[in-house]
Protein backbone atom coordinates (compact mmCIF):
# COMPACT_ATOMS: atom_id res chain seq x y z
CA MET A 1 -9.99 15.60 -13.27
CA PHE A 2 -10.66 12.06 -14.47
CA LEU A 3 -11.52 10.65 -11.05
CA LYS A 4 -14.30 13.07 -10.21
CA GLY A 5 -17.11 11.23 -8.74
CA LYS A 6 -14.95 8.27 -7.59
CA THR A 7 -14.01 7.29 -4.04
CA ALA A 8 -10.73 5.85 -2.91
CA LEU A 9 -10.08 4.20 0.37
CA ILE A 10 -6.29 3.86 1.18
CA THR A 11 -4.95 2.13 4.01
CA GLY A 12 -1.75 3.18 5.79
CA SER A 13 -2.23 6.65 4.18
CA THR A 14 -1.24 9.00 6.86
CA SER A 15 2.41 9.13 5.79
CA GLY A 16 4.83 7.88 3.25
CA ILE A 17 3.62 6.02 0.23
CA GLY A 18 0.08 5.94 1.26
CA LEU A 19 -0.23 9.61 1.64
CA GLY A 20 1.44 10.02 -1.68
CA TYR A 21 -1.30 7.86 -3.20
CA ALA A 22 -3.99 9.98 -1.49
CA ARG A 23 -2.41 13.31 -2.80
CA ALA A 24 -2.26 11.84 -6.54
CA LEU A 25 -5.75 10.66 -6.51
CA ALA A 26 -7.12 13.63 -4.76
CA SER A 27 -5.41 15.80 -7.46
CA GLU A 28 -7.54 14.11 -10.16
CA GLY A 29 -10.74 14.60 -8.19
CA ALA A 30 -11.12 11.47 -6.05
CA LYS A 31 -12.75 11.57 -2.64
CA ILE A 32 -10.38 10.02 -0.28
CA MET A 33 -10.82 8.02 2.95
CA LEU A 34 -7.54 8.05 4.81
CA ASN A 35 -6.52 5.39 7.31
CA GLY A 36 -3.59 5.02 9.64
CA PHE A 37 -2.02 6.11 12.99
CA GLY A 38 -0.48 9.48 13.65
CA ASP A 39 -0.93 12.81 15.43
CA PRO A 40 -4.77 13.88 15.13
CA ASN A 41 -3.88 17.51 14.27
CA GLU A 42 -1.59 16.30 11.50
CA ILE A 43 -4.11 13.98 10.16
CA ALA A 44 -6.73 16.61 10.15
CA SER A 45 -4.41 18.90 8.36
CA TYR A 46 -3.93 16.15 5.64
CA VAL A 47 -7.86 15.84 5.35
CA ASP A 48 -8.06 19.70 4.68
CA GLU A 49 -5.15 19.47 2.17
CA LEU A 50 -7.09 16.55 0.22
CA THR A 51 -10.26 18.56 0.08
CA MET A 52 -8.48 21.44 -1.28
CA LEU A 53 -6.84 19.20 -3.93
CA ASN A 54 -10.21 17.37 -4.99
CA GLY A 55 -12.49 20.27 -4.50
CA ASP A 56 -14.78 17.80 -2.78
CA GLU A 57 -14.50 15.72 0.35
CA ALA A 58 -11.98 13.67 2.35
CA ALA A 59 -12.28 11.78 5.66
CA TYR A 60 -10.38 9.71 8.00
CA ASN A 61 -10.95 6.42 9.78
CA GLY A 62 -8.41 5.13 12.39
CA ALA A 63 -9.43 1.52 12.11
CA ASP A 64 -6.90 -1.01 13.57
CA LEU A 65 -6.05 -3.27 10.72
CA THR A 66 -5.44 -6.30 12.93
CA LYS A 67 -9.22 -6.24 13.87
CA PRO A 68 -11.37 -7.50 11.09
CA GLN A 69 -14.67 -5.86 12.51
CA GLU A 70 -12.96 -2.51 12.51
CA ILE A 71 -11.99 -3.02 8.85
CA ARG A 72 -15.54 -3.85 7.93
CA ASP A 73 -16.73 -0.82 9.87
CA MET A 74 -14.34 1.53 8.10
CA VAL A 75 -15.52 0.25 4.63
CA ALA A 76 -19.17 0.89 5.72
CA GLU A 77 -18.39 4.33 7.06
CA CYS A 78 -16.62 5.16 3.76
CA GLY A 79 -19.81 4.25 1.88
CA ALA A 80 -21.94 6.16 4.19
CA THR A 81 -19.88 9.42 4.09
CA LEU A 82 -18.17 9.56 0.84
CA GLY A 83 -19.66 6.77 -1.22
CA THR A 84 -18.72 3.12 -1.57
CA PRO A 85 -15.13 2.74 -2.73
CA ASP A 86 -14.40 2.51 -6.39
CA ILE A 87 -10.73 2.24 -5.67
CA ILE A 88 -9.15 0.55 -2.81
CA ILE A 89 -5.34 0.70 -2.17
CA ASN A 90 -4.03 -1.90 0.48
CA ASN A 91 -0.98 -0.24 1.47
CA ALA A 92 -0.55 -0.37 5.24
CA GLY A 93 2.64 -2.02 6.37
CA ILE A 94 5.09 -2.49 9.33
CA GLN A 95 8.38 -4.07 9.49
CA HIS A 96 10.71 -5.75 11.88
CA VAL A 97 14.30 -7.14 11.15
CA ALA A 98 15.68 -10.15 13.04
CA PRO A 99 17.03 -13.66 12.55
CA ILE A 100 14.22 -16.09 12.29
CA ASP A 101 15.36 -18.00 15.48
CA GLU A 102 15.22 -14.72 17.32
CA PHE A 103 12.16 -13.34 15.46
CA PRO A 104 9.52 -12.31 18.05
CA GLU A 105 6.18 -14.29 17.45
CA GLU A 106 4.04 -11.22 18.24
CA LYS A 107 5.86 -9.36 15.38
CA TRP A 108 5.42 -12.14 13.05
CA ASP A 109 1.59 -12.24 13.90
CA ALA A 110 1.22 -8.19 13.48
CA ILE A 111 3.21 -7.99 10.21
CA ILE A 112 1.13 -10.84 8.66
CA ALA A 113 -2.17 -9.30 9.98
CA ILE A 114 -1.48 -5.56 8.94
CA ILE A 115 0.12 -6.38 5.46
CA LEU A 116 -1.52 -9.62 4.28
CA SER A 117 -4.70 -10.31 6.33
CA SER A 118 -6.00 -6.79 6.08
CA THR A 119 -5.71 -6.88 2.39
CA PHE A 120 -8.12 -9.78 2.37
CA HIS A 121 -10.57 -8.10 4.81
CA VAL A 122 -10.63 -4.80 2.96
CA THR A 123 -10.98 -6.34 -0.46
CA LYS A 124 -13.73 -8.75 0.79
CA ALA A 125 -15.84 -5.72 2.17
CA ALA A 126 -15.35 -3.51 -0.75
CA LEU A 127 -15.78 -5.87 -3.60
CA PRO A 128 -19.48 -6.28 -3.63
CA ALA A 129 -20.15 -2.62 -4.32
CA MET A 130 -17.62 -2.65 -7.18
CA LYS A 131 -19.27 -5.67 -8.66
CA GLU A 132 -22.62 -3.82 -8.56
CA LYS A 133 -21.13 -0.86 -10.40
CA GLY A 134 -19.21 -2.84 -12.96
CA TRP A 135 -16.17 -0.91 -12.18
CA GLY A 136 -13.28 -0.98 -9.63
CA ARG A 137 -9.68 -0.65 -9.18
CA ILE A 138 -7.90 -2.84 -6.51
CA ILE A 139 -4.30 -1.80 -6.07
CA ASN A 140 -1.95 -3.56 -3.49
CA THR A 141 1.31 -2.22 -2.46
CA GLY A 142 3.61 -5.16 -2.94
CA SER A 143 7.47 -4.87 -2.98
CA MET A 144 10.42 -6.31 -4.68
CA HIS A 145 10.17 -8.59 -1.61
CA SER A 146 7.01 -9.88 -3.25
CA LEU A 147 9.49 -11.39 -5.84
CA VAL A 148 12.69 -11.91 -4.17
CA ALA A 149 13.83 -12.24 -0.57
CA SER A 150 16.15 -10.59 1.80
CA PRO A 151 17.73 -11.96 4.91
CA TYR A 152 16.20 -11.19 8.41
CA LYS A 153 12.81 -10.22 7.14
CA SER A 154 10.89 -13.53 7.25
CA ALA A 155 7.54 -11.98 8.11
CA TYR A 156 7.77 -9.17 5.54
CA ASN A 157 8.84 -11.39 2.80
CA ALA A 158 6.13 -14.00 3.61
CA ALA A 159 3.35 -11.22 3.69
CA LYS A 160 4.62 -9.49 0.53
CA HIS A 161 4.86 -12.81 -1.37
CA GLY A 162 1.28 -13.40 -0.07
CA ILE A 163 0.16 -10.27 -1.67
CA SER A 164 1.46 -11.34 -4.95
CA GLY A 165 -0.62 -14.59 -4.93
CA PHE A 166 -3.63 -12.71 -3.46
CA THR A 167 -3.55 -10.08 -6.29
CA LYS A 168 -3.41 -12.70 -9.10
CA THR A 169 -6.14 -14.78 -7.60
CA VAL A 170 -8.65 -11.92 -7.09
CA ALA A 171 -7.74 -10.52 -10.69
CA LEU A 172 -8.75 -13.85 -12.08
CA GLU A 173 -12.00 -13.96 -10.11
CA VAL A 174 -13.29 -10.53 -11.23
CA ALA A 175 -11.68 -10.35 -14.68
CA GLN A 176 -14.88 -10.01 -16.45
CA GLN A 177 -16.45 -7.55 -14.08
CA GLY A 178 -14.81 -4.29 -14.88
CA ILE A 179 -12.54 -4.43 -11.85
CA THR A 180 -8.70 -4.81 -12.15
CA VAL A 181 -6.37 -6.02 -9.47
CA ASN A 182 -2.70 -5.22 -9.40
CA SER A 183 0.18 -4.85 -7.28
CA ILE A 184 2.85 -2.23 -7.37
CA CYS A 185 6.27 -3.55 -6.33
CA PRO A 186 8.80 -0.85 -5.42
CA GLY A 187 12.45 -1.10 -4.65
CA TYR A 188 13.49 0.73 -1.50
CA VAL A 189 11.40 4.21 -1.23
CA TRP A 190 12.64 6.57 1.33
CA THR A 191 9.79 6.49 3.84
CA PRO A 192 9.43 6.36 7.69
CA LEU A 193 9.01 2.53 7.39
CA VAL A 194 12.32 2.29 5.56
CA GLU A 195 14.10 4.75 7.82
CA GLY A 196 12.63 3.01 10.90
CA GLN A 197 14.31 -0.24 10.03
CA ILE A 198 17.86 1.14 9.81
CA PRO A 199 18.58 0.92 13.59
CA ASP A 200 17.52 -2.77 13.78
CA THR A 201 19.64 -3.53 10.62
CA MET A 202 22.64 -1.68 12.07
CA LYS A 203 22.38 -3.82 15.21
CA THR A 204 21.66 -7.13 13.39
CA ARG A 205 24.44 -6.62 10.95
CA ASP A 206 26.89 -4.53 12.96
CA MET A 207 26.99 -1.73 10.43
CA SER A 208 27.06 2.01 10.58
CA TYR A 209 24.05 4.07 9.37
CA ASP A 210 25.79 4.92 5.95
CA GLU A 211 26.83 1.30 5.55
CA VAL A 212 23.16 0.14 5.93
CA ILE A 213 22.10 2.52 3.27
CA ASN A 214 24.81 1.81 0.72
CA ASP A 215 25.58 -1.84 1.38
CA VAL A 216 22.18 -3.14 2.30
CA LEU A 217 19.33 -0.95 1.17
CA LEU A 218 20.83 0.10 -2.19
CA ALA A 219 23.04 -2.69 -2.66
CA ASN A 220 21.02 -4.67 -5.12
CA GLN A 221 19.22 -1.52 -6.64
CA PRO A 222 21.34 -0.89 -9.68
CA SER A 223 20.14 2.66 -9.97
CA LYS A 224 21.67 3.27 -6.56
CA LYS A 225 18.78 5.78 -5.91
CA PHE A 226 15.77 5.48 -3.79
CA VAL A 227 12.48 5.16 -5.68
CA THR A 228 10.47 8.19 -4.85
CA ILE A 229 6.84 8.31 -3.42
CA GLU A 230 5.70 10.36 -6.38
CA GLN A 231 6.89 7.65 -8.84
CA VAL A 232 4.97 5.00 -7.01
CA ALA A 233 1.83 7.21 -6.69
CA SER A 234 1.94 8.16 -10.49
CA MET A 235 1.76 4.48 -11.27
CA ALA A 236 -1.32 3.93 -9.01
CA LEU A 237 -2.90 6.86 -10.85
CA TYR A 238 -2.22 5.37 -14.18
CA LEU A 239 -3.78 1.97 -13.13
CA CYS A 240 -6.98 3.87 -12.26
CA ARG A 241 -7.40 5.16 -15.88
CA ASP A 242 -9.53 3.46 -18.51
CA ASP A 243 -6.32 3.10 -20.71
CA ALA A 244 -5.07 0.56 -17.95
CA SER A 245 -8.24 -1.62 -18.10
CA ALA A 246 -6.39 -4.46 -19.60
CA ILE A 247 -3.80 -4.42 -16.92
CA THR A 248 -4.87 -6.80 -14.23
CA GLY A 249 -3.09 -9.59 -12.19
CA SER A 250 0.15 -7.86 -12.80
CA GLU A 251 3.10 -7.13 -10.50
CA ILE A 252 4.37 -3.80 -11.64
CA LYS A 253 8.05 -3.34 -10.64
CA ILE A 254 9.40 0.16 -9.90
CA ASP A 255 12.75 -1.12 -8.27
CA GLY A 256 15.51 0.73 -10.04
CA GLY A 257 16.44 -2.65 -11.80
CA TRP A 258 16.61 -4.77 -8.63
CA THR A 259 14.72 -7.72 -9.93
CA ALA A 260 16.21 -7.58 -13.44
CA GLN A 261 19.33 -9.10 -11.90
């Protein structure tokens, strides 16, 4: 358990990729601070599961990531209950699909806040303790949409491209302080977020459910397979190893060949 004694704070970790990250890191001994929305009983069961996996502690904070003070309070609570974060994974995300001239302004604001601005606020709050320790891992969930665009996802594309620039900038700032900063850029992963955008895409493009999967979601993914949560989580786990200490400022693609085209 090479992460024994380390603490990881993972946003958007009560489902999907985020929960996969939590399980992977806990399996190597990390204490985990979960964050996200969901059924309280279900979240409590995840906390119990993680304590079984790491043989140590786990906790949950329901901070609203559109509110910077709640983010700062979450990082402080993590420090007080589990230890200051050695690893942060900025993973929270939402999606909305619509043409730009019909895109609801409140959806734009929410997507930018939850994906991009929260990454800034979490990183800013957690970084001083990492600098003091001389060790840290900052992992941002990017996307192939950090690198290429798709129609009808203006806010998501803008936010994920922003994650790419933010990752590189912070990596340069802390390159000599034992802290690495990377983004993992998956292709389509079968998660509640992806499943949830199918009805909007069906409506926007006048397609059936199967047509959206085959002709939209997997159309540009040469493998014609969804990336798995476990594949993404295993990359995050590798980035936490000392073997990965020279990997920083990178956009690591796990996209079935999407961006090779």
